């Protein structure tokens, strides 16, 4: 018997998450704006997404990243920035990361 819990929901950031993320941000009461940053007219690169509500402003390069920033702030509040010792989580995750090939086989640990 496998000790891993059964995965009930699996969502990966992809093209099919853009609209649900936008709808979620709007449902939370945010006004969303979309524009591009570029010095050359006609070159539609570097998309930007902004959300604003009640004096709170968030900006990201994708709707899923924008929703992530909003969720982070909702949990951490105005004192959202990194605290002493918090980088240890990232360090542990990087140290324990494995590499998979395109078929899901572990190729490096």
C-alpha atoms as a PDB file:
ATOM      1  CA  UNK A   1       0.000   0.000   0.000  1.00  0.00           C
ATOM      2  CA  UNK A   2       1.276   3.407  -0.941  1.00  0.00           C
ATOM      3  CA  UNK A   3       1.865   5.902   1.876  1.00  0.00           C
ATOM      4  CA  UNK A   4       1.189   8.844  -0.449  1.00  0.00           C
ATOM      5  CA  UNK A   5      -2.252  10.438  -0.040  1.00  0.00           C
ATOM      6  CA  UNK A   6      -4.506  10.286  -3.088  1.00  0.00           C
ATOM      7  CA  UNK A   7      -4.413  13.493  -5.102  1.00  0.00           C
ATOM      8  CA  UNK A   8      -7.948  14.858  -5.361  1.00  0.00           C
ATOM      9  CA  UNK A   9      -7.170  18.028  -7.344  1.00  0.00           C
ATOM     10  CA  UNK A  10      -4.293  18.697  -9.733  1.00  0.00           C
ATOM     11  CA  UNK A  11      -3.904  22.123 -11.350  1.00  0.00           C
ATOM     12  CA  UNK A  12      -0.855  23.271 -13.297  1.00  0.00           C
ATOM     13  CA  UNK A  13      -0.243  26.810 -14.475  1.00  0.00           C
ATOM     14  CA  UNK A  14      -1.147  26.757 -18.187  1.00  0.00           C
ATOM     15  CA  UNK A  15      -3.270  28.524 -20.770  1.00  0.00           C
ATOM     16  CA  UNK A  16      -6.460  27.064 -19.316  1.00  0.00           C
ATOM     17  CA  UNK A  17      -5.861  28.741 -15.930  1.00  0.00           C
ATOM     18  CA  UNK A  18      -5.659  32.336 -17.244  1.00  0.00           C
ATOM     19  CA  UNK A  19      -9.399  33.059 -17.333  1.00  0.00           C
ATOM     20  CA  UNK A  20     -10.236  31.266 -14.049  1.00  0.00           C
ATOM     21  CA  UNK A  21      -7.467  33.278 -12.341  1.00  0.00           C
ATOM     22  CA  UNK A  22      -8.818  36.542 -13.780  1.00  0.00           C
ATOM     23  CA  UNK A  23     -12.365  35.625 -12.750  1.00  0.00           C
ATOM     24  CA  UNK A  24     -11.154  34.804  -9.229  1.00  0.00           C
ATOM     25  CA  UNK A  25      -9.329  38.129  -8.906  1.00  0.00           C
ATOM     26  CA  UNK A  26     -12.426  40.031 -10.063  1.00  0.00           C
ATOM     27  CA  UNK A  27     -14.660  37.954  -7.739  1.00  0.00           C
ATOM     28  CA  UNK A  28     -12.428  39.082  -4.862  1.00  0.00           C
ATOM     29  CA  UNK A  29     -13.377  42.663  -5.754  1.00  0.00           C
ATOM     30  CA  UNK A  30     -10.224  43.776  -7.569  1.00  0.00           C
ATOM     31  CA  UNK A  31     -10.132  45.970 -10.668  1.00  0.00           C
ATOM     32  CA  UNK A  32      -7.823  44.386 -13.247  1.00  0.00           C
ATOM     33  CA  UNK A  33      -5.818  46.175 -15.933  1.00  0.00           C
ATOM     34  CA  UNK A  34      -3.735  44.618 -18.708  1.00  0.00           C
ATOM     35  CA  UNK A  35      -1.014  46.259 -20.800  1.00  0.00           C
ATOM     36  CA  UNK A  36       2.356  45.579 -22.405  1.00  0.00           C
ATOM     37  CA  UNK A  37       5.778  47.066 -21.653  1.00  0.00           C
ATOM     38  CA  UNK A  38       7.852  47.650 -24.778  1.00  0.00           C
ATOM     39  CA  UNK A  39       9.781  50.438 -26.490  1.00  0.00           C
ATOM     40  CA  UNK A  40       8.815  49.303 -30.003  1.00  0.00           C
ATOM     41  CA  UNK A  41       5.226  49.765 -31.258  1.00  0.00           C
ATOM     42  CA  UNK A  42       3.741  46.549 -32.614  1.00  0.00           C
ATOM     43  CA  UNK A  43       5.913  44.222 -30.528  1.00  0.00           C
ATOM     44  CA  UNK A  44       3.438  42.753 -28.053  1.00  0.00           C
ATOM     45  CA  UNK A  45       5.870  41.289 -25.558  1.00  0.00           C
ATOM     46  CA  UNK A  46       6.249  41.696 -21.807  1.00  0.00           C
ATOM     47  CA  UNK A  47       2.603  41.499 -20.714  1.00  0.00           C
ATOM     48  CA  UNK A  48       1.705  43.082 -17.395  1.00  0.00           C
ATOM     49  CA  UNK A  49      -1.356  42.510 -15.240  1.00  0.00           C
ATOM     50  CA  UNK A  50      -2.356  44.874 -12.426  1.00  0.00           C
ATOM     51  CA  UNK A  51      -5.019  44.502  -9.743  1.00  0.00           C
ATOM     52  CA  UNK A  52      -6.223  47.229  -7.368  1.00  0.00           C
ATOM     53  CA  UNK A  53      -8.690  47.310  -4.503  1.00  0.00           C
ATOM     54  CA  UNK A  54      -9.028  49.555  -1.456  1.00  0.00           C
ATOM     55  CA  UNK A  55      -5.628  51.162  -1.955  1.00  0.00           C
ATOM     56  CA  UNK A  56      -3.858  47.836  -2.482  1.00  0.00           C
ATOM     57  CA  UNK A  57      -1.963  47.444  -5.771  1.00  0.00           C
ATOM     58  CA  UNK A  58      -0.463  44.246  -7.194  1.00  0.00           C
ATOM     59  CA  UNK A  59       1.400  43.766 -10.483  1.00  0.00           C
ATOM     60  CA  UNK A  60       2.686  40.630 -12.232  1.00  0.00           C
ATOM     61  CA  UNK A  61       3.471  39.198 -15.655  1.00  0.00           C
ATOM     62  CA  UNK A  62       0.613  36.657 -15.630  1.00  0.00           C
ATOM     63  CA  UNK A  63      -2.831  36.307 -14.044  1.00  0.00           C
ATOM     64  CA  UNK A  64      -1.747  33.258 -12.032  1.00  0.00           C
ATOM     65  CA  UNK A  65       1.266  35.142 -10.643  1.00  0.00           C
ATOM     66  CA  UNK A  66      -1.017  38.103  -9.895  1.00  0.00           C
ATOM     67  CA  UNK A  67      -3.427  35.874  -7.977  1.00  0.00           C
ATOM     68  CA  UNK A  68      -0.464  34.396  -6.113  1.00  0.00           C
ATOM     69  CA  UNK A  69       0.678  37.842  -4.971  1.00  0.00           C
ATOM     70  CA  UNK A  70      -2.847  38.673  -3.825  1.00  0.00           C
ATOM     71  CA  UNK A  71      -3.103  35.368  -1.925  1.00  0.00           C
ATOM     72  CA  UNK A  72       0.316  35.930  -0.319  1.00  0.00           C
ATOM     73  CA  UNK A  73      -0.722  39.383   0.884  1.00  0.00           C
ATOM     74  CA  UNK A  74      -4.089  38.096   2.133  1.00  0.00           C
ATOM     75  CA  UNK A  75      -2.255  35.565   4.319  1.00  0.00           C
ATOM     76  CA  UNK A  76       0.786  37.654   5.363  1.00  0.00           C
ATOM     77  CA  UNK A  77      -0.678  41.168   5.351  1.00  0.00           C
ATOM     78  CA  UNK A  78       1.269  44.406   5.028  1.00  0.00           C
ATOM     79  CA  UNK A  79       4.303  42.786   6.643  1.00  0.00           C
ATOM     80  CA  UNK A  80       4.527  40.321   3.735  1.00  0.00           C
ATOM     81  CA  UNK A  81       8.270  40.445   3.052  1.00  0.00           C
ATOM     82  CA  UNK A  82      10.730  37.706   3.999  1.00  0.00           C
ATOM     83  CA  UNK A  83      11.446  37.203   7.697  1.00  0.00           C
ATOM     84  CA  UNK A  84      14.644  35.886   9.301  1.00  0.00           C
ATOM     85  CA  UNK A  85      14.876  32.125   8.854  1.00  0.00           C
ATOM     86  CA  UNK A  86      12.162  31.852   6.210  1.00  0.00           C
ATOM     87  CA  UNK A  87      14.638  31.235   3.384  1.00  0.00           C
ATOM     88  CA  UNK A  88      15.447  27.885   5.000  1.00  0.00           C
ATOM     89  CA  UNK A  89      12.283  26.435   3.445  1.00  0.00           C
ATOM     90  CA  UNK A  90      13.481  27.293  -0.068  1.00  0.00           C
ATOM     91  CA  UNK A  91      16.948  25.950   0.725  1.00  0.00           C
ATOM     92  CA  UNK A  92      15.484  22.606   1.903  1.00  0.00           C
ATOM     93  CA  UNK A  93      13.270  22.313  -1.170  1.00  0.00           C
ATOM     94  CA  UNK A  94      16.159  23.041  -3.538  1.00  0.00           C
ATOM     95  CA  UNK A  95      18.454  20.596  -1.717  1.00  0.00           C
ATOM     96  CA  UNK A  96      15.868  17.797  -1.917  1.00  0.00           C
ATOM     97  CA  UNK A  97      14.744  18.450  -5.517  1.00  0.00           C
ATOM     98  CA  UNK A  98      14.980  15.656  -8.081  1.00  0.00           C
ATOM     99  CA  UNK A  99      15.093  15.881 -11.874  1.00  0.00           C
ATOM    100  CA  UNK A 100      12.644  14.007 -14.111  1.00  0.00           C
ATOM    101  CA  UNK A 101      12.782  13.280 -17.829  1.00  0.00           C
ATOM    102  CA  UNK A 102       9.838  13.912 -20.166  1.00  0.00           C
ATOM    103  CA  UNK A 103       8.384  10.496 -19.268  1.00  0.00           C
ATOM    104  CA  UNK A 104       8.456  11.111 -15.519  1.00  0.00           C
ATOM    105  CA  UNK A 105      11.496   8.982 -14.736  1.00  0.00           C
ATOM    106  CA  UNK A 106      13.924  10.250 -12.101  1.00  0.00           C
ATOM    107  CA  UNK A 107      17.220  11.032 -13.860  1.00  0.00           C
ATOM    108  CA  UNK A 108      19.088  12.975 -11.170  1.00  0.00           C
ATOM    109  CA  UNK A 109      18.861  13.386  -7.396  1.00  0.00           C
END
